[in-house]
N, C-alpha and C. Protein backbone atom coordinates (compact mmCIF):
# COMPACT_ATOMS: atom_id res chain seq x y z
N MET A 1 -12.35 -1.26 -7.90
CA MET A 1 -12.65 -2.06 -7.31
C MET A 1 -12.50 -1.19 -5.56
N ILE A 2 -12.44 -1.94 -4.45
CA ILE A 2 -11.59 -1.38 -3.44
C ILE A 2 -11.41 -2.28 -2.61
N VAL A 3 -9.64 -1.90 -3.02
CA VAL A 3 -8.63 -2.96 -1.54
C VAL A 3 -8.60 -2.36 -0.27
N TYR A 4 -8.29 -3.03 0.14
CA TYR A 4 -7.87 -2.22 1.80
C TYR A 4 -6.08 -2.94 1.98
N VAL A 5 -5.58 -1.89 2.33
CA VAL A 5 -4.15 -2.16 2.43
C VAL A 5 -3.75 -2.13 3.71
N LYS A 6 -3.19 -3.23 4.64
CA LYS A 6 -2.51 -3.17 5.92
C LYS A 6 -1.75 -2.44 5.88
N LEU A 7 -1.45 -1.36 6.97
CA LEU A 7 -0.21 -0.15 7.01
C LEU A 7 0.58 -0.64 8.37
N PHE A 8 1.55 -0.63 8.43
CA PHE A 8 2.24 -1.51 10.05
C PHE A 8 3.65 0.18 9.98
N ALA A 9 3.85 0.68 11.23
CA ALA A 9 5.02 1.02 11.45
C ALA A 9 4.42 2.81 10.90
N ARG A 10 5.24 3.76 10.11
CA ARG A 10 5.28 4.99 10.06
C ARG A 10 3.56 4.79 9.74
N ALA A 11 3.29 4.33 8.56
CA ALA A 11 2.90 4.46 7.91
C ALA A 11 1.31 4.39 8.84
N ARG A 12 0.88 3.40 9.86
CA ARG A 12 -0.03 3.53 10.97
C ARG A 12 0.17 4.87 11.54
N GLN A 13 1.30 5.49 11.83
CA GLN A 13 1.23 6.36 12.65
C GLN A 13 0.31 8.22 11.81
N LEU A 14 0.80 7.80 10.31
CA LEU A 14 0.69 8.74 9.56
C LEU A 14 -1.00 8.77 9.62
N MET A 15 -1.89 7.77 9.40
CA MET A 15 -2.98 7.66 9.15
C MET A 15 -4.20 7.78 9.93
N GLU A 16 -3.13 6.71 11.47
CA GLU A 16 -3.56 6.50 12.81
C GLU A 16 -4.82 5.72 12.22
N SER A 17 -4.33 5.00 11.53
CA SER A 17 -4.87 3.37 11.28
C SER A 17 -4.43 2.45 11.31
N ASP A 18 -4.56 1.68 11.23
CA ASP A 18 -4.13 0.16 10.77
C ASP A 18 -3.88 -0.47 8.95
N THR A 19 -5.41 -0.03 8.68
CA THR A 19 -6.10 -0.66 7.65
C THR A 19 -6.34 0.88 7.02
N VAL A 20 -6.30 1.13 5.75
CA VAL A 20 -7.01 2.20 4.42
C VAL A 20 -7.83 1.32 3.53
N GLN A 21 -8.39 2.39 2.88
CA GLN A 21 -9.14 1.73 1.54
C GLN A 21 -8.70 2.50 0.62
N VAL A 22 -8.11 1.83 -0.47
CA VAL A 22 -7.90 2.77 -1.79
C VAL A 22 -8.76 1.97 -2.95
N LYS A 23 -9.61 2.83 -3.99
CA LYS A 23 -10.27 2.09 -5.16
C LYS A 23 -9.45 2.43 -6.33
N ILE A 24 -9.28 1.40 -6.40
CA ILE A 24 -8.79 1.60 -8.07
C ILE A 24 -9.16 0.29 -8.73
N PRO A 25 -8.37 0.49 -10.34
CA PRO A 25 -9.19 0.02 -11.26
C PRO A 25 -8.96 -0.99 -11.86
N VAL A 26 -9.95 -2.68 -12.06
CA VAL A 26 -10.13 -3.28 -11.93
C VAL A 26 -8.58 -4.14 -12.66
N ALA A 27 -7.57 -5.10 -12.11
CA ALA A 27 -7.05 -5.67 -12.51
C ALA A 27 -6.14 -4.77 -12.24
N ALA A 28 -5.52 -4.02 -11.72
CA ALA A 28 -4.68 -2.87 -11.53
C ALA A 28 -3.26 -3.10 -11.35
N LYS A 29 -1.81 -2.89 -11.38
CA LYS A 29 -0.98 -3.14 -11.20
C LYS A 29 -0.75 -2.63 -9.75
N VAL A 30 0.24 -2.96 -9.28
CA VAL A 30 1.07 -2.33 -8.01
C VAL A 30 0.95 -0.77 -8.43
N ASP A 31 2.21 -0.80 -9.62
CA ASP A 31 2.35 0.73 -9.70
C ASP A 31 1.05 1.22 -9.73
N GLU A 32 0.06 0.98 -9.88
CA GLU A 32 -1.61 1.72 -9.72
C GLU A 32 -1.75 2.13 -8.51
N LEU A 33 -1.96 0.90 -8.07
CA LEU A 33 -1.66 1.29 -6.61
C LEU A 33 -0.81 1.80 -5.98
N ARG A 34 0.31 2.29 -5.90
CA ARG A 34 1.07 3.03 -4.96
C ARG A 34 0.77 4.57 -5.72
N GLN A 35 0.55 5.07 -6.98
CA GLN A 35 0.14 6.36 -6.85
C GLN A 35 -1.32 6.43 -6.71
N ALA A 36 -2.13 5.62 -6.53
CA ALA A 36 -3.52 5.43 -6.08
C ALA A 36 -3.41 5.73 -4.43
N LEU A 37 -2.68 5.35 -3.51
CA LEU A 37 -2.54 5.41 -2.27
C LEU A 37 -1.86 6.78 -1.62
N VAL A 38 -1.25 7.51 -2.78
CA VAL A 38 -0.69 8.61 -2.12
C VAL A 38 -2.19 10.16 -2.80
N ASP A 39 -2.50 9.61 -3.77
CA ASP A 39 -3.95 10.86 -4.33
C ASP A 39 -4.79 10.84 -3.22
N GLN A 40 -5.24 9.15 -2.84
CA GLN A 40 -6.17 9.28 -1.96
C GLN A 40 -5.89 9.42 0.16
N HIS A 41 -4.80 9.42 -0.10
CA HIS A 41 -4.45 9.72 1.18
C HIS A 41 -2.99 9.82 1.75
N PRO A 42 -3.26 11.67 1.18
CA PRO A 42 -1.54 12.76 0.90
C PRO A 42 -0.75 12.54 2.39
N PRO A 43 -0.78 11.62 3.65
CA PRO A 43 -0.60 12.17 4.42
C PRO A 43 0.72 10.67 3.78
N LEU A 44 0.47 9.79 3.33
CA LEU A 44 1.59 8.43 3.31
C LEU A 44 2.65 9.19 1.57
N ALA A 45 2.40 10.44 1.24
CA ALA A 45 2.80 10.75 0.26
C ALA A 45 4.36 10.75 0.73
N GLU A 46 4.91 11.12 1.93
CA GLU A 46 6.01 11.43 2.95
C GLU A 46 6.81 9.86 2.49
N LEU A 47 5.60 8.93 2.75
CA LEU A 47 6.20 7.72 2.20
C LEU A 47 6.85 7.42 1.25
N ASN A 48 6.08 7.73 0.44
CA ASN A 48 6.45 7.11 -1.13
C ASN A 48 7.65 7.44 -1.74
N ASN A 49 8.65 5.75 -2.82
CA ASN A 49 9.22 5.43 -2.92
C ASN A 49 10.37 4.40 -2.12
N HIS A 50 9.55 4.98 -0.83
CA HIS A 50 10.87 4.08 0.26
C HIS A 50 10.09 2.63 1.12
N TRP A 51 8.51 2.67 0.85
CA TRP A 51 7.94 1.53 0.91
C TRP A 51 8.04 -0.16 0.41
N MET A 52 7.44 -0.92 0.40
CA MET A 52 7.46 -2.08 0.10
C MET A 52 6.33 -2.03 0.17
N ILE A 53 5.13 -3.15 -0.94
CA ILE A 53 3.87 -3.60 -1.59
C ILE A 53 4.20 -5.30 -1.30
N ALA A 54 3.60 -5.39 -0.36
CA ALA A 54 3.49 -7.34 0.10
C ALA A 54 1.99 -7.69 -0.87
N VAL A 55 1.81 -8.24 -1.16
CA VAL A 55 0.29 -8.86 -1.97
C VAL A 55 0.72 -10.41 -1.55
N ASP A 56 -0.67 -10.45 -0.79
CA ASP A 56 -0.77 -11.98 -0.68
C ASP A 56 0.53 -12.77 0.12
N ALA A 57 1.18 -11.68 0.89
CA ALA A 57 2.41 -12.44 2.42
C ALA A 57 3.93 -12.61 1.65
N GLU A 58 3.55 -12.10 -0.48
CA GLU A 58 5.22 -11.83 -0.27
C GLU A 58 5.04 -10.58 -1.32
N TYR A 59 6.52 -10.23 -1.11
CA TYR A 59 6.76 -8.91 -1.75
C TYR A 59 6.57 -9.23 -3.46
N ALA A 60 5.87 -7.61 -3.77
CA ALA A 60 5.38 -7.42 -4.84
C ALA A 60 6.01 -6.86 -6.21
N GLY A 61 6.30 -7.44 -6.94
CA GLY A 61 7.14 -6.25 -8.02
C GLY A 61 5.64 -4.85 -8.67
N LEU A 62 5.98 -4.53 -8.78
CA LEU A 62 5.34 -2.47 -9.74
C LEU A 62 4.05 -3.70 -10.21
N SER A 63 4.97 -4.34 -10.88
CA SER A 63 3.84 -5.29 -12.29
C SER A 63 2.77 -6.48 -11.83
N THR A 64 2.57 -6.63 -10.90
CA THR A 64 1.88 -7.88 -9.86
C THR A 64 0.62 -7.28 -9.92
N THR A 65 -0.20 -8.01 -10.27
CA THR A 65 -2.13 -7.66 -10.62
C THR A 65 -2.87 -7.73 -9.52
N LEU A 66 -3.14 -7.23 -9.19
CA LEU A 66 -4.21 -7.19 -8.11
C LEU A 66 -5.78 -7.19 -7.63
N ASN A 67 -5.85 -7.95 -7.24
CA ASN A 67 -7.85 -8.71 -7.46
C ASN A 67 -8.37 -7.68 -6.21
N SER A 68 -9.51 -8.39 -6.20
CA SER A 68 -10.09 -7.04 -4.67
C SER A 68 -9.97 -8.56 -3.79
N ASP A 69 -9.56 -8.96 -3.74
CA ASP A 69 -9.16 -10.48 -2.56
C ASP A 69 -8.41 -10.45 -1.81
N SER A 70 -7.03 -9.92 -2.44
CA SER A 70 -5.76 -9.78 -2.63
C SER A 70 -5.65 -9.57 -1.23
N GLU A 71 -4.64 -9.69 -0.63
CA GLU A 71 -4.09 -9.15 1.05
C GLU A 71 -2.81 -8.37 0.58
N ILE A 72 -3.07 -6.62 0.94
CA ILE A 72 -1.79 -6.17 0.30
C ILE A 72 -1.77 -5.60 1.88
N ALA A 73 -0.40 -5.79 1.49
CA ALA A 73 0.54 -4.55 3.02
C ALA A 73 1.22 -4.40 2.69
N LEU A 74 1.41 -2.36 3.10
CA LEU A 74 2.36 -1.42 2.55
C LEU A 74 3.45 -1.63 3.73
N ILE A 75 4.41 -1.92 3.46
CA ILE A 75 5.44 -1.88 4.01
C ILE A 75 6.42 -0.68 4.54
N PRO A 76 6.55 0.08 5.22
CA PRO A 76 7.43 1.38 5.34
C PRO A 76 8.61 0.62 5.52
N PRO A 77 10.10 1.54 5.63
CA PRO A 77 11.24 1.46 5.86
C PRO A 77 11.54 1.56 7.30
N VAL A 78 11.95 0.43 8.17
CA VAL A 78 12.09 0.59 8.82
C VAL A 78 13.65 0.76 9.64
N SER A 79 13.70 1.22 11.16
CA SER A 79 15.70 1.47 11.55
C SER A 79 15.48 0.81 12.54
N GLY A 80 16.66 0.75 13.14
CA GLY A 80 16.86 0.13 14.54
C GLY A 80 18.08 -0.92 14.65
N GLY A 81 18.37 -1.69 15.86
CA GLY A 81 19.15 -2.19 16.02
C GLY A 81 19.47 -3.33 16.07
């Protein structure tokens, strides 16, 4: 299935877009999505293991199951004061 992932901060800069399309298996889990993001969008590898994934406006664990209408957001680390 195809899902769309919203990007913020550094992820948006790396991809020069506010969303990316990712192909994942039906009923994939967040951990599968993380790997697919890096495989299909190599610039995001810079942020791998430092980002959080939100599904339907809530932070998601690695075992959260995704579906084609899930609202997905990649939240990279931020700094500031």
